[in-house]
PDB file of N, CA and C in Angstrom:
ATOM      1  N   MET A   1      86.207  36.562-106.406  1.00  0.00           N
ATOM      2  CA  MET A   1      85.862  35.706-107.513  1.00  0.00           C
ATOM      3  C   MET A   1      85.359  34.348-107.011  1.00  0.00           C
ATOM      4  N   ARG A   2      86.099  33.743-106.079  1.00  0.00           N
ATOM      5  CA  ARG A   2      85.669  32.454-105.536  1.00  0.00           C
ATOM      6  C   ARG A   2      84.346  32.588-104.793  1.00  0.00           C
ATOM      7  N   LEU A   3      84.173  33.686-104.072  1.00  0.00           N
ATOM      8  CA  LEU A   3      82.938  33.897-103.335  1.00  0.00           C
ATOM      9  C   LEU A   3      81.753  34.011-104.293  1.00  0.00           C
ATOM     10  N   ALA A   4      81.931  34.722-105.399  1.00  0.00           N
ATOM     11  CA  ALA A   4      80.857  34.858-106.394  1.00  0.00           C
ATOM     12  C   ALA A   4      80.518  33.510-107.015  1.00  0.00           C
ATOM     13  N   ALA A   5      81.527  32.706-107.316  1.00  0.00           N
ATOM     14  CA  ALA A   5      81.295  31.385-107.891  1.00  0.00           C
ATOM     15  C   ALA A   5      80.564  30.479-106.893  1.00  0.00           C
ATOM     16  N   ALA A   6      80.964  30.549-105.626  1.00  0.00           N
ATOM     17  CA  ALA A   6      80.302  29.742-104.604  1.00  0.00           C
ATOM     18  C   ALA A   6      78.853  30.172-104.427  1.00  0.00           C
ATOM     19  N   ALA A   7      78.593  31.475-104.435  1.00  0.00           N
ATOM     20  CA  ALA A   7      77.224  31.982-104.297  1.00  0.00           C
ATOM     21  C   ALA A   7      76.366  31.544-105.479  1.00  0.00           C
ATOM     22  N   LEU A   8      76.937  31.580-106.682  1.00  0.00           N
ATOM     23  CA  LEU A   8      76.197  31.154-107.869  1.00  0.00           C
ATOM     24  C   LEU A   8      75.880  29.665-107.785  1.00  0.00           C
ATOM     25  N   ALA A   9      76.842  28.859-107.378  1.00  0.00           N
ATOM     26  CA  ALA A   9      76.612  27.422-107.253  1.00  0.00           C
ATOM     27  C   ALA A   9      75.533  27.133-106.217  1.00  0.00           C
ATOM     28  N   LEU A  10      75.570  27.844-105.092  1.00  0.00           N
ATOM     29  CA  LEU A  10      74.557  27.656-104.053  1.00  0.00           C
ATOM     30  C   LEU A  10      73.176  28.054-104.567  1.00  0.00           C
ATOM     31  N   ALA A  11      73.069  29.135-105.302  1.00  0.00           N
ATOM     32  CA  ALA A  11      71.788  29.574-105.854  1.00  0.00           C
ATOM     33  C   ALA A  11      71.245  28.557-106.844  1.00  0.00           C
ATOM     34  N   LEU A  12      72.111  27.977-107.653  1.00  0.00           N
ATOM     35  CA  LEU A  12      71.657  26.981-108.621  1.00  0.00           C
ATOM     36  C   LEU A  12      71.143  25.733-107.930  1.00  0.00           C
ATOM     37  N   VAL A  13      71.839  25.282-106.903  1.00  0.00           N
ATOM     38  CA  VAL A  13      71.406  24.100-106.161  1.00  0.00           C
ATOM     39  C   VAL A  13      70.099  24.383-105.445  1.00  0.00           C
ATOM     40  N   ALA A  14      69.969  25.532-104.817  1.00  0.00           N
ATOM     41  CA  ALA A  14      68.747  25.865-104.086  1.00  0.00           C
ATOM     42  C   ALA A  14      67.553  25.955-105.019  1.00  0.00           C
ATOM     43  N   GLY A  15      67.745  26.399-106.242  1.00  0.00           N
ATOM     44  CA  GLY A  15      66.649  26.542-107.187  1.00  0.00           C
ATOM     45  C   GLY A  15      66.204  25.239-107.803  1.00  0.00           C
ATOM     46  N   CYS A  16      67.024  24.218-107.746  1.00  0.00           N
ATOM     47  CA  CYS A  16      66.684  22.963-108.403  1.00  0.00           C
ATOM     48  C   CYS A  16      65.750  22.108-107.589  1.00  0.00           C
ATOM     49  N   GLY A  17      65.951  22.018-106.276  1.00  0.00           N
ATOM     50  CA  GLY A  17      65.080  21.209-105.433  1.00  0.00           C
ATOM     51  C   GLY A  17      65.115  19.751-105.829  1.00  0.00           C
ATOM     52  N   GLY A  18      64.220  18.980-105.291  1.00  0.00           N
ATOM     53  CA  GLY A  18      64.085  17.584-105.680  1.00  0.00           C
ATOM     54  C   GLY A  18      65.100  16.681-105.041  1.00  0.00           C
ATOM     55  N   GLY A  19      66.368  16.893-105.268  1.00  0.00           N
ATOM     56  CA  GLY A  19      67.389  15.987-104.793  1.00  0.00           C
ATOM     57  C   GLY A  19      67.882  16.291-103.403  1.00  0.00           C
ATOM     58  N   ASP A  20      67.222  17.174-102.682  1.00  0.00           N
ATOM     59  CA  ASP A  20      67.722  17.600-101.383  1.00  0.00           C
ATOM     60  C   ASP A  20      67.109  16.843-100.220  1.00  0.00           C
ATOM     61  N   GLY A  21      66.425  15.730-100.492  1.00  0.00           N
ATOM     62  CA  GLY A  21      65.810  14.966 -99.423  1.00  0.00           C
ATOM     63  C   GLY A  21      64.462  15.540 -99.005  1.00  0.00           C
ATOM     64  N   GLY A  22      63.980  16.566 -99.677  1.00  0.00           N
ATOM     65  CA  GLY A  22      62.697  17.175 -99.363  1.00  0.00           C
ATOM     66  C   GLY A  22      61.557  16.370 -99.951  1.00  0.00           C
ATOM     67  N   SER A  23      60.474  17.062-100.191  1.00  0.00           N
ATOM     68  CA  SER A  23      59.328  16.411-100.804  1.00  0.00           C
ATOM     69  C   SER A  23      58.555  17.442-101.622  1.00  0.00           C
ATOM     70  N   PRO A  24      57.666  16.974-102.477  1.00  0.00           N
ATOM     71  CA  PRO A  24      56.855  17.897-103.275  1.00  0.00           C
ATOM     72  C   PRO A  24      55.624  18.395-102.524  1.00  0.00           C
ATOM     73  N   GLU A  25      55.585  18.215-101.192  1.00  0.00           N
ATOM     74  CA  GLU A  25      54.392  18.556-100.422  1.00  0.00           C
ATOM     75  C   GLU A  25      53.940  19.979-100.671  1.00  0.00           C
ATOM     76  N   GLY A  26      52.634  20.133-100.772  1.00  0.00           N
ATOM     77  CA  GLY A  26      52.026  21.444-100.960  1.00  0.00           C
ATOM     78  C   GLY A  26      50.812  21.332-101.853  1.00  0.00           C
ATOM     79  N   ARG A  27      50.199  22.474-102.077  1.00  0.00           N
ATOM     80  CA  ARG A  27      49.031  22.562-102.948  1.00  0.00           C
ATOM     81  C   ARG A  27      49.473  23.232-104.232  1.00  0.00           C
ATOM     82  N   TRP A  28      49.239  22.569-105.358  1.00  0.00           N
ATOM     83  CA  TRP A  28      49.767  23.019-106.637  1.00  0.00           C
ATOM     84  C   TRP A  28      48.662  23.092-107.694  1.00  0.00           C
ATOM     85  N   GLU A  29      48.778  24.081-108.584  1.00  0.00           N
ATOM     86  CA  GLU A  29      47.850  24.248-109.703  1.00  0.00           C
ATOM     87  C   GLU A  29      48.637  24.183-111.008  1.00  0.00           C
ATOM     88  N   LEU A  30      48.164  23.377-111.947  1.00  0.00           N
ATOM     89  CA  LEU A  30      48.870  23.156-113.207  1.00  0.00           C
ATOM     90  C   LEU A  30      48.976  24.447-114.012  1.00  0.00           C
ATOM     91  N   VAL A  31      50.189  24.736-114.500  1.00  0.00           N
ATOM     92  CA  VAL A  31      50.390  25.917-115.350  1.00  0.00           C
ATOM     93  C   VAL A  31      50.869  25.550-116.747  1.00  0.00           C
ATOM     94  N   SER A  32      51.469  24.360-116.905  1.00  0.00           N
ATOM     95  CA  SER A  32      51.885  23.931-118.246  1.00  0.00           C
ATOM     96  C   SER A  32      52.132  22.427-118.266  1.00  0.00           C
ATOM     97  N   GLY A  33      52.225  21.902-119.469  1.00  0.00           N
ATOM     98  CA  GLY A  33      52.482  20.479-119.672  1.00  0.00           C
ATOM     99  C   GLY A  33      51.431  19.855-120.559  1.00  0.00           C
ATOM    100  N   ILE A  34      50.213  20.351-120.461  1.00  0.00           N
ATOM    101  CA  ILE A  34      49.140  19.926-121.355  1.00  0.00           C
ATOM    102  C   ILE A  34      48.372  21.171-121.796  1.00  0.00           C
ATOM    103  N   ASP A  35      47.683  21.071-122.914  1.00  0.00           N
ATOM    104  CA  ASP A  35      46.916  22.190-123.453  1.00  0.00           C
ATOM    105  C   ASP A  35      45.680  22.412-122.584  1.00  0.00           C
ATOM    106  N   LEU A  36      45.603  23.584-121.973  1.00  0.00           N
ATOM    107  CA  LEU A  36      44.477  23.922-121.104  1.00  0.00           C
ATOM    108  C   LEU A  36      43.498  24.866-121.786  1.00  0.00           C
ATOM    109  N   GLY A  37      43.650  25.063-123.083  1.00  0.00           N
ATOM    110  CA  GLY A  37      42.814  26.005-123.817  1.00  0.00           C
ATOM    111  C   GLY A  37      41.332  25.807-123.569  1.00  0.00           C
ATOM    112  N   GLY A  38      40.665  26.853-123.125  1.00  0.00           N
ATOM    113  CA  GLY A  38      39.232  26.822-122.921  1.00  0.00           C
ATOM    114  C   GLY A  38      38.774  26.166-121.634  1.00  0.00           C
ATOM    115  N   ALA A  39      39.686  25.765-120.770  1.00  0.00           N
ATOM    116  CA  ALA A  39      39.306  25.072-119.534  1.00  0.00           C
ATOM    117  C   ALA A  39      38.715  26.047-118.524  1.00  0.00           C
ATOM    118  N   GLU A  40      37.581  25.649-117.941  1.00  0.00           N
ATOM    119  CA  GLU A  40      36.999  26.427-116.850  1.00  0.00           C
ATOM    120  C   GLU A  40      37.722  26.137-115.541  1.00  0.00           C
ATOM    121  N   ASN A  41      38.141  24.887-115.351  1.00  0.00           N
ATOM    122  CA  ASN A  41      38.830  24.462-114.133  1.00  0.00           C
ATOM    123  C   ASN A  41      40.175  23.866-114.501  1.00  0.00           C
ATOM    124  N   VAL A  42      41.188  24.253-113.765  1.00  0.00           N
ATOM    125  CA  VAL A  42      42.558  23.807-114.019  1.00  0.00           C
ATOM    126  C   VAL A  42      42.885  22.630-113.115  1.00  0.00           C
ATOM    127  N   PRO A  43      43.575  21.595-113.639  1.00  0.00           N
ATOM    128  CA  PRO A  43      43.984  20.474-112.793  1.00  0.00           C
ATOM    129  C   PRO A  43      44.869  20.926-111.622  1.00  0.00           C
ATOM    130  N   THR A  44      44.741  20.206-110.522  1.00  0.00           N
ATOM    131  CA  THR A  44      45.524  20.496-109.328  1.00  0.00           C
ATOM    132  C   THR A  44      46.156  19.221-108.793  1.00  0.00           C
ATOM    133  N   ALA A  45      47.133  19.378-107.909  1.00  0.00           N
ATOM    134  CA  ALA A  45      47.752  18.253-107.202  1.00  0.00           C
ATOM    135  C   ALA A  45      48.108  18.737-105.803  1.00  0.00           C
ATOM    136  N   ASN A  46      47.626  18.026-104.806  1.00  0.00           N
ATOM    137  CA  ASN A  46      47.899  18.353-103.412  1.00  0.00           C
ATOM    138  C   ASN A  46      48.690  17.198-102.806  1.00  0.00           C
ATOM    139  N   PHE A  47      49.997  17.430-102.600  1.00  0.00           N
ATOM    140  CA  PHE A  47      50.878  16.403-102.058  1.00  0.00           C
ATOM    141  C   PHE A  47      50.989  16.563-100.544  1.00  0.00           C
ATOM    142  N   GLY A  48      50.823  15.468 -99.814  1.00  0.00           N
ATOM    143  CA  GLY A  48      51.018  15.482 -98.374  1.00  0.00           C
ATOM    144  C   GLY A  48      50.762  14.110 -97.782  1.00  0.00           C
ATOM    145  N   ASP A  49      51.469  13.788 -96.697  1.00  0.00           N
ATOM    146  CA  ASP A  49      51.262  12.524 -95.977  1.00  0.00           C
ATOM    147  C   ASP A  49      51.277  11.304 -96.890  1.00  0.00           C
ATOM    148  N   ASP A  50      52.221  11.245 -97.810  1.00  0.00           N
ATOM    149  CA  ASP A  50      52.403  10.111 -98.717  1.00  0.00           C
ATOM    150  C   ASP A  50      51.216   9.866 -99.645  1.00  0.00           C
ATOM    151  N   ARG A  51      50.337  10.879 -99.818  1.00  0.00           N
ATOM    152  CA  ARG A  51      49.199  10.797-100.741  1.00  0.00           C
ATOM    153  C   ARG A  51      49.169  12.066-101.580  1.00  0.00           C
ATOM    154  N   VAL A  52      48.751  11.893-102.800  1.00  0.00           N
ATOM    155  CA  VAL A  52      48.507  13.034-103.676  1.00  0.00           C
ATOM    156  C   VAL A  52      47.055  12.942-104.118  1.00  0.00           C
ATOM    157  N   GLY A  53      46.399  14.055-104.164  1.00  0.00           N
ATOM    158  CA  GLY A  53      45.018  14.109-104.623  1.00  0.00           C
ATOM    159  C   GLY A  53      44.774  15.458-105.253  1.00  0.00           C
ATOM    160  N   GLY A  54      43.668  15.583-105.893  1.00  0.00           N
ATOM    161  CA  GLY A  54      43.338  16.859-106.510  1.00  0.00           C
ATOM    162  C   GLY A  54      42.240  16.672-107.519  1.00  0.00           C
ATOM    163  N   THR A  55      42.254  17.543-108.504  1.00  0.00           N
ATOM    164  CA  THR A  55      41.252  17.473-109.549  1.00  0.00           C
ATOM    165  C   THR A  55      41.921  17.387-110.912  1.00  0.00           C
ATOM    166  N   THR A  56      41.246  16.732-111.822  1.00  0.00           N
ATOM    167  CA  THR A  56      41.722  16.628-113.202  1.00  0.00           C
ATOM    168  C   THR A  56      41.215  17.811-114.029  1.00  0.00           C
ATOM    169  N   GLY A  57      40.487  18.695-113.377  1.00  0.00           N
ATOM    170  CA  GLY A  57      39.795  19.768-114.068  1.00  0.00           C
ATOM    171  C   GLY A  57      38.323  19.436-114.194  1.00  0.00           C
ATOM    172  N   CYS A  58      37.978  18.180-113.918  1.00  0.00           N
ATOM    173  CA  CYS A  58      36.594  17.719-113.962  1.00  0.00           C
ATOM    174  C   CYS A  58      36.335  16.751-112.799  1.00  0.00           C
ATOM    175  N   ASN A  59      37.076  15.681-112.738  1.00  0.00           N
ATOM    176  CA  ASN A  59      36.936  14.676-111.687  1.00  0.00           C
ATOM    177  C   ASN A  59      38.024  14.829-110.638  1.00  0.00           C
ATOM    178  N   ARG A  60      37.826  14.171-109.504  1.00  0.00           N
ATOM    179  CA  ARG A  60      38.832  14.140-108.446  1.00  0.00           C
ATOM    180  C   ARG A  60      39.659  12.864-108.594  1.00  0.00           C
ATOM    181  N   PHE A  61      40.922  12.940-108.178  1.00  0.00           N
ATOM    182  CA  PHE A  61      41.802  11.773-108.224  1.00  0.00           C
ATOM    183  C   PHE A  61      42.600  11.691-106.938  1.00  0.00           C
ATOM    184  N   SER A  62      43.156  10.511-106.680  1.00  0.00           N
ATOM    185  CA  SER A  62      44.077  10.331-105.558  1.00  0.00           C
ATOM    186  C   SER A  62      44.981   9.144-105.844  1.00  0.00           C
ATOM    187  N   ALA A  63      46.128   9.163-105.199  1.00  0.00           N
ATOM    188  CA  ALA A  63      47.106   8.074-105.329  1.00  0.00           C
ATOM    189  C   ALA A  63      48.091   8.185-104.166  1.00  0.00           C
ATOM    190  N   SER A  64      48.736   7.091-103.862  1.00  0.00           N
ATOM    191  CA  SER A  64      49.848   7.137-102.927  1.00  0.00           C
ATOM    192  C   SER A  64      51.078   7.596-103.700  1.00  0.00           C
ATOM    193  N   TYR A  65      52.104   8.038-102.975  1.00  0.00           N
ATOM    194  CA  TYR A  65      53.366   8.352-103.644  1.00  0.00           C
ATOM    195  C   TYR A  65      54.525   8.132-102.688  1.00  0.00           C
ATOM    196  N   THR A  66      55.703   7.868-103.261  1.00  0.00           N
ATOM    197  CA  THR A  66      56.937   7.766-102.495  1.00  0.00           C
ATOM    198  C   THR A  66      57.986   8.644-103.149  1.00  0.00           C
ATOM    199  N   VAL A  67      58.838   9.201-102.318  1.00  0.00           N
ATOM    200  CA  VAL A  67      59.927  10.056-102.773  1.00  0.00           C
ATOM    201  C   VAL A  67      61.234   9.461-102.289  1.00  0.00           C
ATOM    202  N   ASP A  68      62.221   9.404-103.180  1.00  0.00           N
ATOM    203  CA  ASP A  68      63.570   8.976-102.835  1.00  0.00           C
ATOM    204  C   ASP A  68      64.513   9.928-103.551  1.00  0.00           C
ATOM    205  N   GLY A  69      64.950  10.974-102.857  1.00  0.00           N
ATOM    206  CA  GLY A  69      65.754  12.013-103.497  1.00  0.00           C
ATOM    207  C   GLY A  69      64.909  12.742-104.518  1.00  0.00           C
ATOM    208  N   ASP A  70      65.341  12.718-105.785  1.00  0.00           N
ATOM    209  CA  ASP A  70      64.542  13.372-106.815  1.00  0.00           C
ATOM    210  C   ASP A  70      63.616  12.392-107.538  1.00  0.00           C
ATOM    211  N   ALA A  71      63.637  11.114-107.129  1.00  0.00           N
ATOM    212  CA  ALA A  71      62.728  10.122-107.710  1.00  0.00           C
ATOM    213  C   ALA A  71      61.355  10.249-107.054  1.00  0.00           C
ATOM    214  N   LEU A  72      60.325  10.167-107.863  1.00  0.00           N
ATOM    215  CA  LEU A  72      58.946  10.245-107.382  1.00  0.00           C
ATOM    216  C   LEU A  72      58.145   9.146-108.055  1.00  0.00           C
ATOM    217  N   GLU A  73      57.552   8.276-107.243  1.00  0.00           N
ATOM    218  CA  GLU A  73      56.742   7.189-107.787  1.00  0.00           C
ATOM    219  C   GLU A  73      55.319   7.329-107.282  1.00  0.00           C
ATOM    220  N   LEU A  74      54.384   7.398-108.204  1.00  0.00           N
ATOM    221  CA  LEU A  74      52.970   7.445-107.862  1.00  0.00           C
ATOM    222  C   LEU A  74      52.408   6.037-107.916  1.00  0.00           C
ATOM    223  N   GLY A  75      51.567   5.704-106.933  1.00  0.00           N
ATOM    224  CA  GLY A  75      50.878   4.428-106.942  1.00  0.00           C
ATOM    225  C   GLY A  75      49.718   4.480-107.928  1.00  0.00           C
ATOM    226  N   PRO A  76      48.896   3.431-107.951  1.00  0.00           N
ATOM    227  CA  PRO A  76      47.746   3.423-108.847  1.00  0.00           C
ATOM    228  C   PRO A  76      46.848   4.641-108.586  1.00  0.00           C
ATOM    229  N   ILE A  77      46.389   5.250-109.653  1.00  0.00           N
ATOM    230  CA  ILE A  77      45.565   6.453-109.550  1.00  0.00           C
ATOM    231  C   ILE A  77      44.091   6.062-109.573  1.00  0.00           C
ATOM    232  N   ALA A  78      43.359   6.495-108.558  1.00  0.00           N
ATOM    233  CA  ALA A  78      41.907   6.304-108.506  1.00  0.00           C
ATOM    234  C   ALA A  78      41.262   7.645-108.835  1.00  0.00           C
ATOM    235  N   ALA A  79      40.187   7.611-109.627  1.00  0.00           N
ATOM    236  CA  ALA A  79      39.505   8.848-109.993  1.00  0.00           C
ATOM    237  C   ALA A  79      38.004   8.624-110.062  1.00  0.00           C
ATOM    238  N   THR A  80      37.264   9.682-109.739  1.00  0.00           N
ATOM    239  CA  THR A  80      35.825   9.620-109.926  1.00  0.00           C
ATOM    240  C   THR A  80      35.540   9.584-111.420  1.00  0.00           C
ATOM    241  N   ARG A  81      34.316   9.264-111.804  1.00  0.00           N
ATOM    242  CA  ARG A  81      34.000   9.049-113.216  1.00  0.00           C
ATOM    243  C   ARG A  81      32.790   9.864-113.685  1.00  0.00           C
ATOM    244  N   ILE A  82      32.742  11.126-113.328  1.00  0.00           N
ATOM    245  CA  ILE A  82      31.677  12.004-113.806  1.00  0.00           C
ATOM    246  C   ILE A  82      31.977  12.361-115.256  1.00  0.00           C
ATOM    247  N   ALA A  83      30.969  12.361-116.114  1.00  0.00           N
ATOM    248  CA  ALA A  83      31.173  12.735-117.518  1.00  0.00           C
ATOM    249  C   ALA A  83      31.642  14.190-117.588  1.00  0.00           C
ATOM    250  N   CYS A  84      32.619  14.446-118.435  1.00  0.00           N
ATOM    251  CA  CYS A  84      33.208  15.776-118.561  1.00  0.00           C
ATOM    252  C   CYS A  84      32.905  16.360-119.938  1.00  0.00           C
ATOM    253  N   ALA A  85      32.332  17.549-119.949  1.00  0.00           N
ATOM    254  CA  ALA A  85      32.063  18.233-121.216  1.00  0.00           C
ATOM    255  C   ALA A  85      33.380  18.719-121.810  1.00  0.00           C
ATOM    256  N   PRO A  86      33.469  18.815-123.146  1.00  0.00           N
ATOM    257  CA  PRO A  86      34.685  19.330-123.770  1.00  0.00           C
ATOM    258  C   PRO A  86      34.965  20.770-123.313  1.00  0.00           C
ATOM    259  N   PRO A  87      36.213  21.149-123.135  1.00  0.00           N
ATOM    260  CA  PRO A  87      37.432  20.367-123.337  1.00  0.00           C
ATOM    261  C   PRO A  87      37.888  19.604-122.102  1.00  0.00           C
ATOM    262  N   ALA A  88      37.101  19.612-121.027  1.00  0.00           N
ATOM    263  CA  ALA A  88      37.524  18.998-119.769  1.00  0.00           C
ATOM    264  C   ALA A  88      37.856  17.518-119.909  1.00  0.00           C
ATOM    265  N   GLY A  89      37.120  16.784-120.734  1.00  0.00           N
ATOM    266  CA  GLY A  89      37.398  15.363-120.915  1.00  0.00           C
ATOM    267  C   GLY A  89      38.752  15.109-121.541  1.00  0.00           C
ATOM    268  N   GLU A  90      39.111  15.910-122.532  1.00  0.00           N
ATOM    269  CA  GLU A  90      40.418  15.770-123.183  1.00  0.00           C
ATOM    270  C   GLU A  90      41.544  16.171-122.235  1.00  0.00           C
ATOM    271  N   ILE A  91      41.310  17.227-121.461  1.00  0.00           N
ATOM    272  CA  ILE A  91      42.312  17.662-120.486  1.00  0.00           C
ATOM    273  C   ILE A  91      42.522  16.563-119.445  1.00  0.00           C
ATOM    274  N   GLU A  92      41.434  15.991-118.944  1.00  0.00           N
ATOM    275  CA  GLU A  92      41.526  14.922-117.953  1.00  0.00           C
ATOM    276  C   GLU A  92      42.319  13.731-118.482  1.00  0.00           C
ATOM    277  N   THR A  93      42.017  13.291-119.698  1.00  0.00           N
ATOM    278  CA  THR A  93      42.721  12.156-120.292  1.00  0.00           C
ATOM    279  C   THR A  93      44.218  12.426-120.383  1.00  0.00           C
ATOM    280  N   ALA A  94      44.587  13.604-120.865  1.00  0.00           N
ATOM    281  CA  ALA A  94      46.005  13.970-120.997  1.00  0.00           C
ATOM    282  C   ALA A  94      46.679  14.092-119.637  1.00  0.00           C
ATOM    283  N   TYR A  95      45.983  14.670-118.673  1.00  0.00           N
ATOM    284  CA  TYR A  95      46.543  14.875-117.341  1.00  0.00           C
ATOM    285  C   TYR A  95      46.811  13.541-116.643  1.00  0.00           C
ATOM    286  N   LEU A  96      45.829  12.650-116.654  1.00  0.00           N
ATOM    287  CA  LEU A  96      46.018  11.350-116.008  1.00  0.00           C
ATOM    288  C   LEU A  96      47.111  10.535-116.699  1.00  0.00           C
ATOM    289  N   ALA A  97      47.200  10.626-118.022  1.00  0.00           N
ATOM    290  CA  ALA A  97      48.264   9.922-118.753  1.00  0.00           C
ATOM    291  C   ALA A  97      49.636  10.465-118.356  1.00  0.00           C
ATOM    292  N   ALA A  98      49.746  11.776-118.196  1.00  0.00           N
ATOM    293  CA  ALA A  98      51.023  12.375-117.788  1.00  0.00           C
ATOM    294  C   ALA A  98      51.379  11.948-116.366  1.00  0.00           C
ATOM    295  N   LEU A  99      50.409  11.957-115.451  1.00  0.00           N
ATOM    296  CA  LEU A  99      50.677  11.531-114.072  1.00  0.00           C
ATOM    297  C   LEU A  99      51.196  10.097-114.016  1.00  0.00           C
ATOM    298  N   GLU A 100      50.687   9.230-114.872  1.00  0.00           N
ATOM    299  CA  GLU A 100      51.133   7.840-114.883  1.00  0.00           C
ATOM    300  C   GLU A 100      52.581   7.692-115.337  1.00  0.00           C
ATOM    301  N   ARG A 101      53.124   8.699-116.003  1.00  0.00           N
ATOM    302  CA  ARG A 101      54.505   8.643-116.499  1.00  0.00           C
ATOM    303  C   ARG A 101      55.510   9.312-115.566  1.00  0.00           C
ATOM    304  N   VAL A 102      55.053   9.897-114.462  1.00  0.00           N
ATOM    305  CA  VAL A 102      55.932  10.633-113.556  1.00  0.00           C
ATOM    306  C   VAL A 102      56.958   9.698-112.924  1.00  0.00           C
ATOM    307  N   ALA A 103      58.226  10.139-112.950  1.00  0.00           N
ATOM    308  CA  ALA A 103      59.306   9.364-112.344  1.00  0.00           C
ATOM    309  C   ALA A 103      60.236  10.221-111.491  1.00  0.00           C
ATOM    310  N   ALA A 104      60.137  11.547-111.617  1.00  0.00           N
ATOM    311  CA  ALA A 104      61.041  12.431-110.874  1.00  0.00           C
ATOM    312  C   ALA A 104      60.354  13.772-110.649  1.00  0.00           C
ATOM    313  N   TRP A 105      60.946  14.554-109.761  1.00  0.00           N
ATOM    314  CA  TRP A 105      60.408  15.872-109.442  1.00  0.00           C
ATOM    315  C   TRP A 105      61.539  16.831-109.108  1.00  0.00           C
ATOM    316  N   ARG A 106      61.223  18.110-109.185  1.00  0.00           N
ATOM    317  CA  ARG A 106      62.133  19.157-108.728  1.00  0.00           C
ATOM    318  C   ARG A 106      61.304  20.419-108.518  1.00  0.00           C
ATOM    319  N   VAL A 107      61.848  21.346-107.749  1.00  0.00           N
ATOM    320  CA  VAL A 107      61.249  22.665-107.618  1.00  0.00           C
ATOM    321  C   VAL A 107      62.180  23.626-108.334  1.00  0.00           C
ATOM    322  N   GLU A 108      61.611  24.403-109.236  1.00  0.00           N
ATOM    323  CA  GLU A 108      62.380  25.347-110.045  1.00  0.00           C
ATOM    324  C   GLU A 108      61.660  26.692-110.034  1.00  0.00           C
ATOM    325  N   ASP A 109      62.338  27.718-109.538  1.00  0.00           N
ATOM    326  CA  ASP A 109      61.747  29.060-109.451  1.00  0.00           C
ATOM    327  C   ASP A 109      60.409  29.034-108.720  1.00  0.00           C
ATOM    328  N   GLY A 110      60.310  28.225-107.666  1.00  0.00           N
ATOM    329  CA  GLY A 110      59.104  28.147-106.871  1.00  0.00           C
ATOM    330  C   GLY A 110      57.984  27.327-107.483  1.00  0.00           C
ATOM    331  N   GLU A 111      58.249  26.667-108.607  1.00  0.00           N
ATOM    332  CA  GLU A 111      57.244  25.842-109.268  1.00  0.00           C
ATOM    333  C   GLU A 111      57.635  24.368-109.170  1.00  0.00           C
ATOM    334  N   LEU A 112      56.639  23.511-108.990  1.00  0.00           N
ATOM    335  CA  LEU A 112      56.864  22.068-108.954  1.00  0.00           C
ATOM    336  C   LEU A 112      56.881  21.543-110.380  1.00  0.00           C
ATOM    337  N   VAL A 113      57.940  20.827-110.729  1.00  0.00           N
ATOM    338  CA  VAL A 113      58.082  20.237-112.059  1.00  0.00           C
ATOM    339  C   VAL A 113      58.113  18.724-111.905  1.00  0.00           C
ATOM    340  N   LEU A 114      57.205  18.039-112.587  1.00  0.00           N
ATOM    341  CA  LEU A 114      57.196  16.581-112.605  1.00  0.00           C
ATOM    342  C   LEU A 114      57.780  16.124-113.928  1.00  0.00           C
ATOM    343  N   GLN A 115      58.671  15.125-113.867  1.00  0.00           N
ATOM    344  CA  GLN A 115      59.427  14.675-115.034  1.00  0.00           C
ATOM    345  C   GLN A 115      59.209  13.185-115.286  1.00  0.00           C
ATOM    346  N   ASP A 116      59.478  12.773-116.539  1.00  0.00           N
ATOM    347  CA  ASP A 116      59.432  11.348-116.865  1.00  0.00           C
ATOM    348  C   ASP A 116      60.775  10.717-116.533  1.00  0.00           C
ATOM    349  N   ASP A 117      60.931   9.413-116.816  1.00  0.00           N
ATOM    350  CA  ASP A 117      62.164   8.712-116.446  1.00  0.00           C
ATOM    351  C   ASP A 117      63.377   9.144-117.252  1.00  0.00           C
ATOM    352  N   GLY A 118      63.180   9.891-118.332  1.00  0.00           N
ATOM    353  CA  GLY A 118      64.292  10.442-119.106  1.00  0.00           C
ATOM    354  C   GLY A 118      64.638  11.871-118.720  1.00  0.00           C
ATOM    355  N   GLY A 119      63.916  12.429-117.738  1.00  0.00           N
ATOM    356  CA  GLY A 119      64.180  13.791-117.283  1.00  0.00           C
ATOM    357  C   GLY A 119      63.390  14.858-118.028  1.00  0.00           C
ATOM    358  N   ALA A 120      62.533  14.447-118.964  1.00  0.00           N
ATOM    359  CA  ALA A 120      61.732  15.430-119.707  1.00  0.00           C
ATOM    360  C   ALA A 120      60.599  15.950-118.816  1.00  0.00           C
ATOM    361  N   GLU A 121      60.340  17.230-118.917  1.00  0.00           N
ATOM    362  CA  GLU A 121      59.275  17.850-118.142  1.00  0.00           C
ATOM    363  C   GLU A 121      57.911  17.382-118.651  1.00  0.00           C
ATOM    364  N   LEU A 122      57.089  16.895-117.724  1.00  0.00           N
ATOM    365  CA  LEU A 122      55.732  16.463-118.050  1.00  0.00           C
ATOM    366  C   LEU A 122      54.707  17.518-117.646  1.00  0.00           C
ATOM    367  N   LEU A 123      54.803  17.954-116.394  1.00  0.00           N
ATOM    368  CA  LEU A 123      53.822  18.869-115.820  1.00  0.00           C
ATOM    369  C   LEU A 123      54.539  19.910-114.969  1.00  0.00           C
ATOM    370  N   ARG A 124      54.022  21.141-114.988  1.00  0.00           N
ATOM    371  CA  ARG A 124      54.588  22.225-114.178  1.00  0.00           C
ATOM    372  C   ARG A 124      53.438  22.891-113.433  1.00  0.00           C
ATOM    373  N   TYR A 125      53.662  23.109-112.115  1.00  0.00           N
ATOM    374  CA  TYR A 125      52.633  23.662-111.249  1.00  0.00           C
ATOM    375  C   TYR A 125      53.137  24.907-110.515  1.00  0.00           C
ATOM    376  N   ALA A 126      52.216  25.813-110.248  1.00  0.00           N
ATOM    377  CA  ALA A 126      52.472  26.939-109.360  1.00  0.00           C
ATOM    378  C   ALA A 126      51.845  26.606-108.010  1.00  0.00           C
ATOM    379  N   GLU A 127      52.474  27.044-106.928  1.00  0.00           N
ATOM    380  CA  GLU A 127      51.940  26.774-105.600  1.00  0.00           C
ATOM    381  C   GLU A 127      50.721  27.656-105.341  1.00  0.00           C
ATOM    382  N   THR A 128      49.708  27.068-104.707  1.00  0.00           N
ATOM    383  CA  THR A 128      48.507  27.812-104.340  1.00  0.00           C
ATOM    384  C   THR A 128      48.370  27.814-102.830  1.00  0.00           C
ATOM    385  N   SER A 129      47.475  28.617-102.334  1.00  0.00           N
ATOM    386  CA  SER A 129      47.286  28.674-100.874  1.00  0.00           C
ATOM    387  C   SER A 129      46.149  27.786-100.445  1.00  0.00           C
TER     388      SER A 129
END
């Protein structure tokens, strides 16, 4: 009984991520958090070497970031300014607004979850190669 409880606790901790001193490093593709209906290109985020960059689904963006346990702070976001046909422009606006609210992170079931300062899920990504 104790062994089963310990195994369950270990599995729960391993699945949560974020607070283990790790980082969100990797290549990620957005799977939820904003309406992607009709999008030809999906937003991405590539975390590594204290920088995050990727695409908004139309333009490219980049920012610095710092991690402290499960806290994640993004620096000012720079983005290219190519005009985006609908729905890419609306997706870009929502995506950049969500990124500006990021305050925490975790890995759950192999997916990167970015959260606001209240712990609410903002964006969820699947890892890509």
